[in-house]
C-alpha atoms as a PDB file:
ATOM      1  CA  MET A   1     -65.473 -90.048 -22.813  1.00  0.00           C
ATOM      2  CA  SER A   2     -66.970 -92.843 -20.700  1.00  0.00           C
ATOM      3  CA  LYS A   3     -64.827 -94.121 -17.850  1.00  0.00           C
ATOM      4  CA  ASN A   4     -63.348 -97.537 -18.140  1.00  0.00           C
ATOM      5  CA  SER A   5     -63.577 -99.560 -14.918  1.00  0.00           C
ATOM      6  CA  VAL A   6     -60.100-101.202 -15.558  1.00  0.00           C
ATOM      7  CA  GLY A   7     -57.652 -99.809 -13.054  1.00  0.00           C
ATOM      8  CA  GLU A   8     -60.040 -97.264 -11.610  1.00  0.00           C
ATOM      9  CA  ASP A   9     -58.749 -98.211  -8.016  1.00  0.00           C
ATOM     10  CA  GLN A  10     -55.146 -97.772  -9.096  1.00  0.00           C
ATOM     11  CA  PRO A  11     -53.012 -94.604  -9.203  1.00  0.00           C
ATOM     12  CA  ALA A  12     -53.001 -92.482 -12.358  1.00  0.00           C
ATOM     13  CA  VAL A  13     -49.334 -93.253 -12.763  1.00  0.00           C
ATOM     14  CA  GLU A  14     -47.239 -95.875 -11.042  1.00  0.00           C
ATOM     15  CA  ALA A  15     -43.562 -96.291 -12.179  1.00  0.00           C
ATOM     16  CA  ARG A  16     -40.781 -98.325 -10.483  1.00  0.00           C
ATOM     17  CA  GLY A  17     -37.140 -98.091 -11.553  1.00  0.00           C
ATOM     18  CA  MET A  18     -38.166 -96.457 -14.794  1.00  0.00           C
ATOM     19  CA  ALA A  19     -35.041 -95.796 -16.916  1.00  0.00           C
ATOM     20  CA  LYS A  20     -34.143 -94.564 -20.432  1.00  0.00           C
ATOM     21  CA  ALA A  21     -30.743 -94.625 -22.056  1.00  0.00           C
ATOM     22  CA  TYR A  22     -29.616 -93.353 -25.429  1.00  0.00           C
ATOM     23  CA  GLY A  23     -26.450 -95.168 -26.001  1.00  0.00           C
ATOM     24  CA  GLU A  24     -24.112 -94.101 -23.109  1.00  0.00           C
ATOM     25  CA  LYS A  25     -26.379 -91.260 -22.028  1.00  0.00           C
ATOM     26  CA  ARG A  26     -28.915 -92.101 -19.267  1.00  0.00           C
ATOM     27  CA  ALA A  27     -31.782 -89.647 -19.614  1.00  0.00           C
ATOM     28  CA  LEU A  28     -33.626 -91.394 -16.747  1.00  0.00           C
ATOM     29  CA  ASP A  29     -31.732 -93.259 -14.090  1.00  0.00           C
ATOM     30  CA  GLY A  30     -34.278 -95.402 -12.447  1.00  0.00           C
ATOM     31  CA  ILE A  31     -37.124 -93.236 -11.056  1.00  0.00           C
ATOM     32  CA  ASP A  32     -40.019 -94.334  -8.773  1.00  0.00           C
ATOM     33  CA  LEU A  33     -43.180 -92.277  -9.194  1.00  0.00           C
ATOM     34  CA  THR A  34     -46.788 -92.614  -7.897  1.00  0.00           C
ATOM     35  CA  ILE A  35     -49.437 -90.088  -8.855  1.00  0.00           C
ATOM     36  CA  PRO A  36     -52.889 -90.436  -7.353  1.00  0.00           C
ATOM     37  CA  ARG A  37     -55.973 -89.697  -9.457  1.00  0.00           C
ATOM     38  CA  GLY A  38     -57.732 -86.487  -9.530  1.00  0.00           C
ATOM     39  CA  GLN A  39     -54.866 -84.020  -8.696  1.00  0.00           C
ATOM     40  CA  VAL A  40     -52.318 -81.788 -10.337  1.00  0.00           C
ATOM     41  CA  PHE A  41     -48.839 -83.293  -9.873  1.00  0.00           C
ATOM     42  CA  GLY A  42     -45.878 -81.040 -10.526  1.00  0.00           C
ATOM     43  CA  PHE A  43     -42.782 -82.343 -12.075  1.00  0.00           C
ATOM     44  CA  LEU A  44     -40.018 -79.747 -11.474  1.00  0.00           C
ATOM     45  CA  GLY A  45     -36.588 -79.525 -12.868  1.00  0.00           C
ATOM     46  CA  PRO A  46     -34.197 -77.738 -15.215  1.00  0.00           C
ATOM     47  CA  ASN A  47     -33.579 -78.424 -18.934  1.00  0.00           C
ATOM     48  CA  GLY A  48     -32.263 -81.907 -19.542  1.00  0.00           C
ATOM     49  CA  ALA A  49     -33.274 -83.200 -16.144  1.00  0.00           C
ATOM     50  CA  GLY A  50     -35.579 -85.969 -17.556  1.00  0.00           C
ATOM     51  CA  LYS A  51     -38.934 -84.273 -17.488  1.00  0.00           C
ATOM     52  CA  THR A  52     -39.832 -84.666 -21.173  1.00  0.00           C
ATOM     53  CA  THR A  53     -38.391 -88.116 -21.266  1.00  0.00           C
ATOM     54  CA  THR A  54     -40.726 -89.195 -18.412  1.00  0.00           C
ATOM     55  CA  ILE A  55     -43.727 -87.687 -20.196  1.00  0.00           C
ATOM     56  CA  ARG A  56     -42.904 -89.455 -23.425  1.00  0.00           C
ATOM     57  CA  ILE A  57     -42.592 -92.732 -21.790  1.00  0.00           C
ATOM     58  CA  LEU A  58     -45.824 -92.450 -19.904  1.00  0.00           C
ATOM     59  CA  ALA A  59     -47.636 -91.261 -22.974  1.00  0.00           C
ATOM     60  CA  THR A  60     -46.335 -94.384 -24.784  1.00  0.00           C
ATOM     61  CA  LEU A  61     -44.370 -92.193 -27.362  1.00  0.00           C
ATOM     62  CA  ILE A  62     -41.124 -93.908 -26.478  1.00  0.00           C
ATOM     63  CA  LYS A  63     -40.187 -97.133 -24.604  1.00  0.00           C
ATOM     64  CA  PRO A  64     -38.378 -97.285 -21.334  1.00  0.00           C
ATOM     65  CA  THR A  65     -35.114 -99.222 -21.374  1.00  0.00           C
ATOM     66  CA  GLY A  66     -35.471-100.380 -17.782  1.00  0.00           C
ATOM     67  CA  GLY A  67     -38.104-100.617 -14.971  1.00  0.00           C
ATOM     68  CA  THR A  68     -41.846-100.720 -15.141  1.00  0.00           C
ATOM     69  CA  ALA A  69     -44.571 -98.112 -15.631  1.00  0.00           C
ATOM     70  CA  LYS A  70     -48.390 -98.302 -15.482  1.00  0.00           C
ATOM     71  CA  VAL A  71     -50.727 -95.419 -16.534  1.00  0.00           C
ATOM     72  CA  LEU A  72     -54.299 -95.620 -15.451  1.00  0.00           C
ATOM     73  CA  GLY A  73     -53.763 -99.349 -14.512  1.00  0.00           C
ATOM     74  CA  HIS A  74     -52.280-100.252 -17.999  1.00  0.00           C
ATOM     75  CA  ASP A  75     -48.744-101.222 -18.747  1.00  0.00           C
ATOM     76  CA  VAL A  76     -46.814 -98.779 -21.102  1.00  0.00           C
ATOM     77  CA  LEU A  77     -45.236-101.622 -22.973  1.00  0.00           C
ATOM     78  CA  THR A  78     -48.112-104.081 -23.406  1.00  0.00           C
ATOM     79  CA  GLU A  79     -51.215-101.991 -23.250  1.00  0.00           C
ATOM     80  CA  ALA A  80     -50.174 -98.730 -25.078  1.00  0.00           C
ATOM     81  CA  ASP A  81     -53.415 -98.568 -27.042  1.00  0.00           C
ATOM     82  CA  ALA A  82     -55.507 -98.678 -23.919  1.00  0.00           C
ATOM     83  CA  ILE A  83     -53.432 -95.843 -22.429  1.00  0.00           C
ATOM     84  CA  ARG A  84     -53.633 -93.744 -25.585  1.00  0.00           C
ATOM     85  CA  ALA A  85     -57.447 -93.918 -25.495  1.00  0.00           C
ATOM     86  CA  LYS A  86     -57.521 -92.243 -22.046  1.00  0.00           C
ATOM     87  CA  VAL A  87     -54.839 -89.638 -22.106  1.00  0.00           C
ATOM     88  CA  SER A  88     -53.907 -86.435 -23.880  1.00  0.00           C
ATOM     89  CA  LEU A  89     -50.541 -84.704 -24.327  1.00  0.00           C
ATOM     90  CA  THR A  90     -49.854 -81.050 -24.840  1.00  0.00           C
ATOM     91  CA  GLY A  91     -46.196 -80.652 -25.634  1.00  0.00           C
ATOM     92  CA  GLN A  92     -43.895 -77.697 -25.516  1.00  0.00           C
ATOM     93  CA  TYR A  93     -44.863 -76.657 -29.002  1.00  0.00           C
ATOM     94  CA  ALA A  94     -48.317 -76.088 -30.314  1.00  0.00           C
ATOM     95  CA  SER A  95     -49.674 -78.973 -32.506  1.00  0.00           C
ATOM     96  CA  LEU A  96     -51.934 -76.765 -34.504  1.00  0.00           C
ATOM     97  CA  ASP A  97     -52.429 -76.234 -38.335  1.00  0.00           C
ATOM     98  CA  GLU A  98     -51.708 -72.549 -38.811  1.00  0.00           C
ATOM     99  CA  ASP A  99     -53.568 -72.365 -42.034  1.00  0.00           C
ATOM    100  CA  LEU A 100     -56.849 -73.411 -40.282  1.00  0.00           C
ATOM    101  CA  THR A 101     -58.894 -71.274 -38.068  1.00  0.00           C
ATOM    102  CA  GLY A 102     -59.156 -72.027 -34.357  1.00  0.00           C
ATOM    103  CA  TYR A 103     -62.616 -73.561 -34.919  1.00  0.00           C
ATOM    104  CA  GLU A 104     -61.452 -75.701 -37.848  1.00  0.00           C
ATOM    105  CA  ASN A 105     -58.540 -77.075 -35.852  1.00  0.00           C
ATOM    106  CA  LEU A 106     -60.852 -78.277 -33.082  1.00  0.00           C
ATOM    107  CA  ILE A 107     -63.336 -79.836 -35.624  1.00  0.00           C
ATOM    108  CA  PHE A 108     -60.461 -81.584 -37.380  1.00  0.00           C
ATOM    109  CA  LEU A 109     -59.017 -83.044 -34.227  1.00  0.00           C
ATOM    110  CA  GLY A 110     -62.451 -84.114 -32.997  1.00  0.00           C
ATOM    111  CA  ARG A 111     -63.162 -85.910 -36.180  1.00  0.00           C
ATOM    112  CA  LEU A 112     -59.744 -87.588 -36.006  1.00  0.00           C
ATOM    113  CA  GLN A 113     -60.745 -88.912 -32.574  1.00  0.00           C
ATOM    114  CA  GLY A 114     -63.920 -90.355 -33.961  1.00  0.00           C
ATOM    115  CA  LEU A 115     -66.472 -87.823 -32.683  1.00  0.00           C
ATOM    116  CA  PRO A 116     -69.637 -87.293 -34.944  1.00  0.00           C
ATOM    117  CA  ARG A 117     -69.685 -83.960 -36.685  1.00  0.00           C
ATOM    118  CA  PRO A 118     -72.524 -82.565 -34.598  1.00  0.00           C
ATOM    119  CA  ALA A 119     -70.695 -83.525 -31.433  1.00  0.00           C
ATOM    120  CA  CYS A 120     -67.525 -81.916 -32.737  1.00  0.00           C
ATOM    121  CA  ARG A 121     -69.309 -78.624 -33.263  1.00  0.00           C
ATOM    122  CA  ASP A 122     -70.800 -78.619 -29.906  1.00  0.00           C
ATOM    123  CA  ARG A 123     -67.525 -79.479 -28.148  1.00  0.00           C
ATOM    124  CA  ALA A 124     -65.528 -76.950 -30.198  1.00  0.00           C
ATOM    125  CA  ASP A 125     -68.082 -74.145 -29.358  1.00  0.00           C
ATOM    126  CA  ALA A 126     -67.888 -75.143 -25.599  1.00  0.00           C
ATOM    127  CA  LEU A 127     -64.144 -75.169 -25.510  1.00  0.00           C
ATOM    128  CA  LEU A 128     -63.691 -71.887 -27.436  1.00  0.00           C
ATOM    129  CA  ALA A 129     -66.033 -70.194 -24.968  1.00  0.00           C
ATOM    130  CA  ALA A 130     -64.374 -71.799 -21.930  1.00  0.00           C
ATOM    131  CA  PHE A 131     -60.909 -70.656 -23.109  1.00  0.00           C
ATOM    132  CA  ASP A 132     -61.989 -67.116 -24.115  1.00  0.00           C
ATOM    133  CA  LEU A 133     -61.344 -67.783 -27.826  1.00  0.00           C
ATOM    134  CA  THR A 134     -64.874 -67.377 -29.318  1.00  0.00           C
ATOM    135  CA  ASP A 135     -64.060 -64.036 -30.878  1.00  0.00           C
ATOM    136  CA  ALA A 136     -60.946 -65.412 -32.570  1.00  0.00           C
ATOM    137  CA  ALA A 137     -62.532 -68.792 -33.599  1.00  0.00           C
ATOM    138  CA  GLY A 138     -62.878 -67.701 -37.270  1.00  0.00           C
ATOM    139  CA  ARG A 139     -59.316 -66.407 -37.591  1.00  0.00           C
ATOM    140  CA  PRO A 140     -56.388 -68.445 -38.929  1.00  0.00           C
ATOM    141  CA  VAL A 141     -54.114 -69.645 -36.149  1.00  0.00           C
ATOM    142  CA  SER A 142     -51.194 -67.970 -37.897  1.00  0.00           C
ATOM    143  CA  GLY A 143     -52.553 -64.659 -36.567  1.00  0.00           C
ATOM    144  CA  TYR A 144     -52.903 -65.783 -33.038  1.00  0.00           C
ATOM    145  CA  SER A 145     -50.692 -64.582 -30.161  1.00  0.00           C
ATOM    146  CA  GLY A 146     -48.525 -67.013 -28.170  1.00  0.00           C
ATOM    147  CA  GLY A 147     -50.900 -67.023 -25.289  1.00  0.00           C
ATOM    148  CA  MET A 148     -53.983 -67.697 -27.625  1.00  0.00           C
ATOM    149  CA  ARG A 149     -52.091 -70.531 -29.386  1.00  0.00           C
ATOM    150  CA  ARG A 150     -51.256 -72.127 -26.029  1.00  0.00           C
ATOM    151  CA  ARG A 151     -54.899 -71.924 -24.895  1.00  0.00           C
ATOM    152  CA  LEU A 152     -56.133 -73.393 -28.112  1.00  0.00           C
ATOM    153  CA  ASP A 153     -53.489 -76.124 -27.826  1.00  0.00           C
ATOM    154  CA  ILE A 154     -54.819 -77.139 -24.458  1.00  0.00           C
ATOM    155  CA  ALA A 155     -58.372 -76.915 -25.748  1.00  0.00           C
ATOM    156  CA  ALA A 156     -57.398 -79.369 -28.414  1.00  0.00           C
ATOM    157  CA  SER A 157     -56.107 -81.855 -25.793  1.00  0.00           C
ATOM    158  CA  LEU A 158     -59.567 -81.702 -24.274  1.00  0.00           C
ATOM    159  CA  ILE A 159     -61.698 -82.175 -27.421  1.00  0.00           C
ATOM    160  CA  VAL A 160     -62.315 -85.762 -25.898  1.00  0.00           C
ATOM    161  CA  THR A 161     -62.084 -85.335 -22.176  1.00  0.00           C
ATOM    162  CA  PRO A 162     -59.022 -87.321 -21.001  1.00  0.00           C
ATOM    163  CA  ASP A 163     -58.648 -89.260 -17.698  1.00  0.00           C
ATOM    164  CA  LEU A 164     -54.998 -87.935 -17.592  1.00  0.00           C
ATOM    165  CA  LEU A 165     -53.620 -84.798 -19.155  1.00  0.00           C
ATOM    166  CA  PHE A 166     -49.866 -84.430 -19.702  1.00  0.00           C
ATOM    167  CA  LEU A 167     -48.838 -80.696 -19.804  1.00  0.00           C
ATOM    168  CA  ASP A 168     -45.194 -80.350 -20.779  1.00  0.00           C
ATOM    169  CA  GLU A 169     -43.985 -76.894 -19.838  1.00  0.00           C
ATOM    170  CA  PRO A 170     -47.300 -75.191 -20.974  1.00  0.00           C
ATOM    171  CA  THR A 171     -46.353 -71.708 -20.131  1.00  0.00           C
ATOM    172  CA  THR A 172     -42.737 -71.545 -21.575  1.00  0.00           C
ATOM    173  CA  GLY A 173     -42.373 -68.221 -23.375  1.00  0.00           C
ATOM    174  CA  LEU A 174     -45.691 -66.666 -22.479  1.00  0.00           C
ATOM    175  CA  ASP A 175     -46.165 -63.193 -21.045  1.00  0.00           C
ATOM    176  CA  PRO A 176     -47.453 -62.940 -17.401  1.00  0.00           C
ATOM    177  CA  ARG A 177     -51.109 -62.344 -18.542  1.00  0.00           C
ATOM    178  CA  SER A 178     -51.193 -65.406 -20.758  1.00  0.00           C
ATOM    179  CA  ARG A 179     -49.437 -67.380 -18.189  1.00  0.00           C
ATOM    180  CA  ASN A 180     -51.999 -66.665 -15.595  1.00  0.00           C
ATOM    181  CA  GLN A 181     -54.790 -67.565 -18.044  1.00  0.00           C
ATOM    182  CA  VAL A 182     -53.166 -70.922 -18.692  1.00  0.00           C
ATOM    183  CA  TRP A 183     -52.920 -71.502 -14.864  1.00  0.00           C
ATOM    184  CA  GLU A 184     -56.674 -70.771 -14.531  1.00  0.00           C
ATOM    185  CA  LEU A 185     -57.339 -73.338 -17.332  1.00  0.00           C
ATOM    186  CA  VAL A 186     -55.249 -75.991 -15.616  1.00  0.00           C
ATOM    187  CA  ARG A 187     -57.286 -75.342 -12.325  1.00  0.00           C
ATOM    188  CA  ARG A 188     -60.518 -75.789 -14.326  1.00  0.00           C
ATOM    189  CA  VAL A 189     -59.444 -78.953 -15.934  1.00  0.00           C
ATOM    190  CA  ALA A 190     -58.288 -80.496 -12.597  1.00  0.00           C
ATOM    191  CA  ALA A 191     -61.549 -79.367 -10.900  1.00  0.00           C
ATOM    192  CA  ALA A 192     -63.530 -81.252 -13.571  1.00  0.00           C
ATOM    193  CA  GLY A 193     -61.896 -84.472 -12.568  1.00  0.00           C
ATOM    194  CA  THR A 194     -58.988 -84.931 -14.892  1.00  0.00           C
ATOM    195  CA  THR A 195     -55.583 -85.902 -13.393  1.00  0.00           C
ATOM    196  CA  VAL A 196     -52.890 -83.395 -14.604  1.00  0.00           C
ATOM    197  CA  LEU A 197     -49.128 -84.179 -14.797  1.00  0.00           C
ATOM    198  CA  LEU A 198     -47.431 -80.847 -15.202  1.00  0.00           C
ATOM    199  CA  THR A 199     -43.818 -80.518 -16.009  1.00  0.00           C
ATOM    200  CA  THR A 200     -42.307 -77.050 -15.451  1.00  0.00           C
ATOM    201  CA  GLN A 201     -39.113 -75.059 -14.818  1.00  0.00           C
ATOM    202  CA  TYR A 202     -41.189 -72.306 -13.234  1.00  0.00           C
ATOM    203  CA  LEU A 203     -40.978 -72.678  -9.431  1.00  0.00           C
ATOM    204  CA  ASP A 204     -43.962 -70.478  -8.787  1.00  0.00           C
ATOM    205  CA  GLU A 205     -45.934 -72.434 -11.358  1.00  0.00           C
ATOM    206  CA  ALA A 206     -45.455 -75.648  -9.277  1.00  0.00           C
ATOM    207  CA  ASP A 207     -46.166 -73.758  -6.137  1.00  0.00           C
ATOM    208  CA  GLN A 208     -49.463 -72.258  -7.549  1.00  0.00           C
ATOM    209  CA  LEU A 209     -50.840 -75.367  -9.167  1.00  0.00           C
ATOM    210  CA  ALA A 210     -49.507 -78.610  -7.933  1.00  0.00           C
ATOM    211  CA  GLU A 211     -50.836 -80.546  -4.893  1.00  0.00           C
ATOM    212  CA  GLN A 212     -47.704 -82.815  -4.920  1.00  0.00           C
ATOM    213  CA  ILE A 213     -44.279 -81.995  -6.493  1.00  0.00           C
ATOM    214  CA  ALA A 214     -41.479 -84.302  -7.560  1.00  0.00           C
ATOM    215  CA  VAL A 215     -38.040 -82.565  -8.054  1.00  0.00           C
ATOM    216  CA  ILE A 216     -36.014 -84.242 -10.781  1.00  0.00           C
ATOM    217  CA  ASP A 217     -32.339 -83.654 -11.534  1.00  0.00           C
ATOM    218  CA  ASN A 218     -30.013 -85.621 -13.865  1.00  0.00           C
ATOM    219  CA  GLY A 219     -32.508 -88.240 -14.488  1.00  0.00           C
ATOM    220  CA  ARG A 220     -33.179 -88.972 -10.715  1.00  0.00           C
ATOM    221  CA  ILE A 221     -36.042 -87.794  -8.420  1.00  0.00           C
ATOM    222  CA  VAL A 222     -34.151 -86.003  -5.575  1.00  0.00           C
ATOM    223  CA  ALA A 223     -37.233 -85.005  -3.544  1.00  0.00           C
ATOM    224  CA  GLU A 224     -41.042 -85.298  -3.469  1.00  0.00           C
ATOM    225  CA  GLY A 225     -43.843 -83.760  -1.442  1.00  0.00           C
ATOM    226  CA  THR A 226     -46.029 -80.715  -1.160  1.00  0.00           C
ATOM    227  CA  SER A 227     -44.578 -77.284  -1.703  1.00  0.00           C
ATOM    228  CA  SER A 228     -44.548 -76.671   2.110  1.00  0.00           C
ATOM    229  CA  GLN A 229     -42.905 -80.056   2.818  1.00  0.00           C
ATOM    230  CA  LEU A 230     -40.246 -79.457   0.311  1.00  0.00           C
ATOM    231  CA  LYS A 231     -39.568 -75.923   1.741  1.00  0.00           C
ATOM    232  CA  SER A 232     -39.472 -77.338   5.293  1.00  0.00           C
ATOM    233  CA  ARG A 233     -36.989 -79.979   4.371  1.00  0.00           C
ATOM    234  CA  VAL A 234     -34.311 -77.521   3.447  1.00  0.00           C
ATOM    235  CA  GLY A 235     -34.405 -75.021   6.297  1.00  0.00           C
ATOM    236  CA  SER A 236     -36.616 -73.265   8.869  1.00  0.00           C
ATOM    237  CA  GLY A 237     -36.813 -70.048   7.028  1.00  0.00           C
ATOM    238  CA  THR A 238     -35.084 -67.496   4.785  1.00  0.00           C
ATOM    239  CA  LEU A 239     -33.633 -64.237   6.110  1.00  0.00           C
ATOM    240  CA  HIS A 240     -34.150 -61.347   3.681  1.00  0.00           C
ATOM    241  CA  LEU A 241     -32.050 -58.236   4.058  1.00  0.00           C
ATOM    242  CA  ARG A 242     -32.065 -55.041   2.038  1.00  0.00           C
ATOM    243  CA  LEU A 243     -29.263 -52.500   2.625  1.00  0.00           C
ATOM    244  CA  LEU A 244     -29.353 -48.672   2.558  1.00  0.00           C
ATOM    245  CA  ASP A 245     -25.893 -48.657   0.822  1.00  0.00           C
ATOM    246  CA  GLU A 246     -24.913 -51.134  -1.755  1.00  0.00           C
ATOM    247  CA  GLU A 247     -21.266 -50.538  -1.043  1.00  0.00           C
ATOM    248  CA  GLN A 248     -21.800 -52.250   2.340  1.00  0.00           C
ATOM    249  CA  ARG A 249     -23.002 -55.646   0.859  1.00  0.00           C
ATOM    250  CA  ASP A 250     -19.668 -57.387   1.179  1.00  0.00           C
ATOM    251  CA  ARG A 251     -19.472 -56.366   4.934  1.00  0.00           C
ATOM    252  CA  ALA A 252     -23.023 -57.408   5.453  1.00  0.00           C
ATOM    253  CA  ARG A 253     -22.329 -60.733   3.824  1.00  0.00           C
ATOM    254  CA  GLN A 254     -19.304 -61.422   6.072  1.00  0.00           C
ATOM    255  CA  ILE A 255     -21.327 -60.643   9.218  1.00  0.00           C
ATOM    256  CA  LEU A 256     -24.239 -62.817   8.196  1.00  0.00           C
ATOM    257  CA  GLY A 257     -21.899 -65.659   7.334  1.00  0.00           C
ATOM    258  CA  GLU A 258     -20.266 -65.463  10.772  1.00  0.00           C
ATOM    259  CA  SER A 259     -23.397 -64.998  12.673  1.00  0.00           C
ATOM    260  CA  LEU A 260     -25.814 -67.434  11.042  1.00  0.00           C
ATOM    261  CA  ASP A 261     -25.775 -71.147  10.120  1.00  0.00           C
ATOM    262  CA  GLY A 262     -26.631 -70.794   6.437  1.00  0.00           C
ATOM    263  CA  THR A 263     -25.285 -69.880   3.016  1.00  0.00           C
ATOM    264  CA  VAL A 264     -25.551 -66.192   2.228  1.00  0.00           C
ATOM    265  CA  GLU A 265     -26.965 -65.548  -1.229  1.00  0.00           C
ATOM    266  CA  LEU A 266     -26.515 -62.298  -3.169  1.00  0.00           C
ATOM    267  CA  GLY A 267     -29.629 -61.346  -5.204  1.00  0.00           C
ATOM    268  CA  ALA A 268     -29.609 -59.551  -8.503  1.00  0.00           C
ATOM    269  CA  ASP A 269     -30.548 -56.450  -6.645  1.00  0.00           C
ATOM    270  CA  PRO A 270     -27.175 -55.023  -5.400  1.00  0.00           C
ATOM    271  CA  PHE A 271     -28.795 -53.953  -2.137  1.00  0.00           C
ATOM    272  CA  ALA A 272     -30.217 -57.313  -1.274  1.00  0.00           C
ATOM    273  CA  LEU A 273     -28.928 -60.446   0.494  1.00  0.00           C
ATOM    274  CA  SER A 274     -30.665 -63.565   1.801  1.00  0.00           C
ATOM    275  CA  VAL A 275     -29.703 -66.490   4.021  1.00  0.00           C
ATOM    276  CA  LEU A 276     -31.382 -69.921   3.937  1.00  0.00           C
ATOM    277  CA  LEU A 277     -31.317 -70.881   7.586  1.00  0.00           C
ATOM    278  CA  ALA A 278     -30.582 -74.413   8.784  1.00  0.00           C
ATOM    279  CA  THR A 279     -33.408 -76.298  10.293  1.00  0.00           C
ATOM    280  CA  GLY A 280     -33.901 -75.231  13.998  1.00  0.00           C
ATOM    281  CA  GLN A 281     -32.585 -71.644  13.610  1.00  0.00           C
ATOM    282  CA  GLY A 282     -35.110 -69.135  14.629  1.00  0.00           C
ATOM    283  CA  GLY A 283     -37.417 -71.782  16.112  1.00  0.00           C
ATOM    284  CA  LYS A 284     -41.085 -71.930  15.456  1.00  0.00           C
ATOM    285  CA  GLY A 285     -42.300 -69.344  18.007  1.00  0.00           C
ATOM    286  CA  ASP A 286     -42.577 -65.590  17.560  1.00  0.00           C
ATOM    287  CA  LYS A 287     -40.163 -64.937  20.487  1.00  0.00           C
ATOM    288  CA  ASP A 288     -37.341 -67.035  18.853  1.00  0.00           C
ATOM    289  CA  VAL A 289     -37.834 -65.296  15.533  1.00  0.00           C
ATOM    290  CA  SER A 290     -37.696 -61.885  17.236  1.00  0.00           C
ATOM    291  CA  ARG A 291     -34.511 -62.837  19.044  1.00  0.00           C
ATOM    292  CA  LEU A 292     -32.899 -63.948  15.800  1.00  0.00           C
ATOM    293  CA  LEU A 293     -33.821 -60.737  13.981  1.00  0.00           C
ATOM    294  CA  GLY A 294     -32.741 -58.586  16.981  1.00  0.00           C
ATOM    295  CA  ARG A 295     -29.334 -60.193  17.311  1.00  0.00           C
ATOM    296  CA  THR A 296     -28.731 -59.818  13.576  1.00  0.00           C
ATOM    297  CA  MET A 297     -29.834 -56.198  13.605  1.00  0.00           C
ATOM    298  CA  ASN A 298     -27.524 -55.378  16.582  1.00  0.00           C
ATOM    299  CA  ARG A 299     -24.522 -57.016  14.894  1.00  0.00           C
ATOM    300  CA  LEU A 300     -25.090 -55.146  11.727  1.00  0.00           C
ATOM    301  CA  ALA A 301     -25.626 -51.827  13.486  1.00  0.00           C
ATOM    302  CA  ASP A 302     -22.435 -52.372  15.546  1.00  0.00           C
ATOM    303  CA  ALA A 303     -20.620 -52.735  12.237  1.00  0.00           C
ATOM    304  CA  GLY A 304     -22.096 -49.566  10.911  1.00  0.00           C
ATOM    305  CA  VAL A 305     -24.098 -51.437   8.169  1.00  0.00           C
ATOM    306  CA  GLY A 306     -27.444 -49.565   7.360  1.00  0.00           C
ATOM    307  CA  VAL A 307     -30.372 -51.747   6.886  1.00  0.00           C
ATOM    308  CA  ALA A 308     -33.542 -50.688   5.011  1.00  0.00           C
ATOM    309  CA  ASP A 309     -35.533 -53.821   5.504  1.00  0.00           C
ATOM    310  CA  LEU A 310     -35.132 -57.149   7.395  1.00  0.00           C
ATOM    311  CA  SER A 311     -37.582 -59.981   7.330  1.00  0.00           C
ATOM    312  CA  LEU A 312     -37.804 -63.780   7.898  1.00  0.00           C
ATOM    313  CA  GLY A 313     -39.966 -65.898   5.602  1.00  0.00           C
ATOM    314  CA  GLN A 314     -40.597 -69.486   4.526  1.00  0.00           C
ATOM    315  CA  PRO A 315     -37.890 -70.632   1.949  1.00  0.00           C
ATOM    316  CA  SER A 316     -38.988 -70.337  -1.668  1.00  0.00           C
ATOM    317  CA  LEU A 317     -39.132 -73.277  -4.024  1.00  0.00           C
ATOM    318  CA  ASP A 318     -36.128 -71.710  -5.818  1.00  0.00           C
ATOM    319  CA  GLU A 319     -34.150 -71.874  -2.477  1.00  0.00           C
ATOM    320  CA  ALA A 320     -35.411 -75.370  -1.944  1.00  0.00           C
ATOM    321  CA  PHE A 321     -34.228 -76.569  -5.351  1.00  0.00           C
ATOM    322  CA  LEU A 322     -30.875 -75.024  -4.705  1.00  0.00           C
ATOM    323  CA  ALA A 323     -30.538 -76.844  -1.423  1.00  0.00           C
ATOM    324  CA  LEU A 324     -31.675 -80.148  -2.816  1.00  0.00           C
ATOM    325  CA  THR A 325     -29.710 -80.238  -5.991  1.00  0.00           C
ATOM    326  CA  GLY A 326     -26.747 -77.756  -5.388  1.00  0.00           C
ATOM    327  CA  HIS A 327     -27.853 -75.358  -8.213  1.00  0.00           C
ATOM    328  CA  ARG A 328     -30.700 -73.231  -9.193  1.00  0.00           C
ATOM    329  CA  THR A 329     -33.184 -74.110 -11.935  1.00  0.00           C
ATOM    330  CA  ALA A 330     -32.137 -73.075 -15.428  1.00  0.00           C
ATOM    331  CA  PRO A 331     -33.801 -70.181 -17.316  1.00  0.00           C
ATOM    332  CA  ALA A 332     -37.080 -71.286 -18.831  1.00  0.00           C
ATOM    333  CA  THR A 333     -36.249 -72.216 -22.428  1.00  0.00           C
ATOM    334  CA  PRO A 334     -37.538 -75.041 -24.548  1.00  0.00           C
ATOM    335  CA  ASP A 335     -36.258 -78.459 -23.561  1.00  0.00           C
ATOM    336  CA  HIS A 336     -34.652 -80.548 -26.368  1.00  0.00           C
ATOM    337  CA  GLU A 337     -33.675 -83.518 -24.301  1.00  0.00           C
ATOM    338  CA  ASP A 338     -35.508 -85.985 -26.481  1.00  0.00           C
ATOM    339  CA  GLN A 339     -34.911 -84.668 -30.018  1.00  0.00           C
ATOM    340  CA  THR A 340     -32.762 -87.748 -30.787  1.00  0.00           C
ATOM    341  CA  ALA A 341     -35.438 -90.187 -29.786  1.00  0.00           C
END
């Protein structure tokens, strides 16, 4: 698709005070959002936080009830057609005809978007090859695996190259191999110049793909920055501890709580504990870190608590989300926050 010069010098997305209410329920409570062109922007939050509502407003599928929003320089209320000509949306569920083959789906969607038949065939062949689906091109989509369907769904979003691609939780429900394949596809799309707005509940997905991340909770953006910036905002590091005896975990938790300025978290592993340290603890130098680890080990040893492993690392995005919102992200399940829209 040829680039339109209108708004080329403006951000891909610019929203101010954007809100959406369904009766008494406020799905979005006045968010400000600026997304530069040419990057992957991660929108991180649990089910019902407002991610899908944001995507649907920016894709002009629903109207905001407050604030303003521009996409690629065009207003979502008054210039919806101009926006739709430049964006693509891949939702949480595949928008494919299961009775058609993968190749036929791409041809059909290309024709719907006005491509001549020869151009449709060339584009379909190129996308099937790029997404490793050539061998399955002649098979009905009903026989595709979940990962294959998701790859074909993203390919369908690119039948006409968009300036902005909305990916709404693209890897929900996929196995690790398929998930990694989708990640690689997202990197390729961004490298080709398309801006990507990625919503996700997967913390490592945002960490892997996004140059900037906005954390949304209860319809409000609670933090924004790079992965490293978000982690640094919530603490200087995370102390990870693994015990020799799981029966000593309560004692270890007590000692760590008394010795360190931070909340002690119990992992699913009964031998493991972690502490998100307050900013400043441990310092930035190797000597300060060594002193912190040494003091902690001495106190545990004095109490007779056997330690198998002790390490200090950067906080994870999961720990950052907990510190910023007061709760962890929900398990990754489909988001139905807009089913009543």
